[in-house]
Amino acid sequence: VQLQASGGGLVQPGGSLRLSCVASGNIFSVNVMAWYRQAPGKQRALVAAVDPDGRMTIVDAVKGRFTISRNNAKNTVYLQMNNLKPEDTAVYFCHLAQRTETYWGQGTQVTVSS
């Protein structure tokens, strides 16, 4: 299984970005796709997750600003990030968990700065 993330970049505070992550390989129909982030000097932490039925988990720090969604037919997960803040600056990683397996994407940098 491979995960290819894209969509990061430099944005001003208050701006928006949309991250995408495409999974390829031996993907089972039942899996959880998620986004994590790791800021400099901090541990990697969950941002949001979504199951095949669209049930979402979103951490309080981004609730109301970030939305996670997925396209099961395309094995793709999205993270729509609105009203970005400097503290959202981090490398964002997509993650897939199925059965006993877990996989990470390569990470995409998001920098929020004026």
Protein backbone atom coordinates (compact mmCIF):
# COMPACT_ATOMS: atom_id res chain seq x y z
CA VAL A 1 0.00 0.00 0.00
CA GLN A 2 1.26 3.48 -0.89
CA LEU A 3 -0.13 6.83 0.17
CA GLN A 4 0.59 9.93 -1.90
CA ALA A 5 -0.24 13.25 -0.27
CA SER A 6 -0.42 16.62 -1.96
CA GLY A 7 -1.77 20.12 -1.51
CA GLY A 8 0.50 21.67 1.09
CA GLY A 9 2.08 25.07 0.74
CA LEU A 10 2.51 28.55 2.15
CA VAL A 11 -0.63 30.46 3.06
CA GLN A 12 -1.39 33.63 4.98
CA PRO A 13 -3.31 33.50 8.27
CA GLY A 14 -7.01 33.20 7.56
CA GLY A 15 -6.38 31.44 4.28
CA SER A 16 -7.39 27.98 3.11
CA LEU A 17 -5.72 24.87 1.76
CA ARG A 18 -7.01 21.50 0.69
CA LEU A 19 -4.87 18.42 1.20
CA SER A 20 -5.43 15.23 -0.77
CA CYS A 21 -4.10 11.74 -0.23
CA VAL A 22 -4.51 8.87 -2.67
CA ALA A 23 -4.04 5.31 -1.51
CA SER A 24 -2.97 2.62 -3.95
CA GLY A 25 -2.21 -1.07 -3.72
CA ASN A 26 -4.06 -3.72 -1.74
CA ILE A 27 -6.78 -1.54 -0.22
CA PHE A 28 -9.57 -3.24 1.68
CA SER A 29 -13.06 -1.75 1.68
CA VAL A 30 -13.07 -1.38 5.46
CA ASN A 31 -10.40 1.03 6.61
CA VAL A 32 -9.95 4.29 8.43
CA MET A 33 -8.17 7.15 6.70
CA ALA A 34 -6.78 10.01 8.71
CA TRP A 35 -4.57 13.07 8.78
CA TYR A 36 -1.89 13.66 11.39
CA ARG A 37 0.47 16.57 11.77
CA GLN A 38 3.85 17.16 13.31
CA ALA A 39 5.07 20.61 14.19
CA PRO A 40 8.77 21.31 14.82
CA GLY A 41 9.82 19.94 18.17
CA LYS A 42 6.48 18.24 18.77
CA GLN A 43 5.14 14.74 18.45
CA ARG A 44 2.98 13.66 15.55
CA ALA A 45 -0.69 14.03 16.51
CA LEU A 46 -4.05 13.18 15.04
CA VAL A 47 -5.92 15.95 13.27
CA ALA A 48 -8.93 14.13 11.84
CA ALA A 49 -10.07 10.67 10.79
CA VAL A 50 -12.93 9.27 8.74
CA ASP A 51 -14.29 5.74 8.33
CA PRO A 52 -15.85 4.27 5.15
CA ASP A 53 -19.33 5.37 6.27
CA GLY A 54 -18.21 8.96 6.68
CA ARG A 55 -18.12 9.03 10.46
CA MET A 56 -15.54 11.62 11.46
CA THR A 57 -13.27 12.34 14.35
CA ILE A 58 -11.87 15.88 14.48
CA VAL A 59 -9.67 17.19 17.26
CA ASP A 60 -10.82 20.24 19.19
CA ALA A 61 -7.92 22.41 18.01
CA VAL A 62 -9.24 22.41 14.43
CA LYS A 63 -12.95 21.76 14.93
CA GLY A 64 -15.04 24.25 13.01
CA ARG A 65 -12.13 25.10 10.71
CA PHE A 66 -11.05 21.76 9.20
CA THR A 67 -13.20 19.18 7.47
CA ILE A 68 -12.21 15.64 6.51
CA SER A 69 -13.89 13.72 3.71
CA ARG A 70 -13.19 10.74 1.52
CA ASN A 71 -14.03 9.27 -1.85
CA ASN A 72 -14.14 5.51 -1.41
CA ALA A 73 -14.21 4.82 -5.15
CA LYS A 74 -10.95 6.73 -5.55
CA ASN A 75 -9.37 5.61 -2.26
CA THR A 76 -8.77 9.27 -1.53
CA VAL A 77 -9.03 11.30 1.65
CA TYR A 78 -9.20 15.08 1.78
CA LEU A 79 -8.56 17.66 4.46
CA GLN A 80 -10.15 21.03 3.84
CA MET A 81 -8.45 23.59 6.06
CA ASN A 82 -10.07 27.00 6.46
CA ASN A 83 -9.19 29.99 8.61
CA LEU A 84 -5.65 28.73 8.98
CA LYS A 85 -3.58 29.95 11.91
CA PRO A 86 0.19 30.10 12.40
CA GLU A 87 -0.11 27.29 14.94
CA ASP A 88 -1.39 25.03 12.16
CA THR A 89 2.10 25.10 10.63
CA ALA A 90 3.34 21.52 10.47
CA VAL A 91 4.08 18.61 8.21
CA TYR A 92 0.81 16.84 7.52
CA PHE A 93 0.77 13.09 7.06
CA CYS A 94 -2.01 10.91 5.76
CA HIS A 95 -2.56 7.55 7.41
CA LEU A 96 -4.49 4.42 6.55
CA ALA A 97 -5.43 1.64 8.94
CA GLN A 98 -7.00 -1.60 7.76
CA ARG A 99 -7.27 -4.87 9.69
CA THR A 100 -3.93 -5.06 11.51
CA GLU A 101 -2.01 -2.93 9.01
CA THR A 102 -1.11 0.75 9.17
CA TYR A 103 0.49 2.91 6.51
CA TRP A 104 1.86 6.47 6.35
CA GLY A 105 2.20 8.88 3.48
CA GLN A 106 5.32 10.93 2.91
CA GLY A 107 4.06 14.16 4.47
CA THR A 108 3.28 17.54 3.00
CA GLN A 109 4.41 20.85 4.52
CA VAL A 110 1.82 23.43 5.50
CA THR A 111 3.17 26.82 6.52
CA VAL A 112 0.89 29.57 7.76
CA SER A 113 2.69 32.88 7.85
CA SER A 114 2.25 36.49 6.81
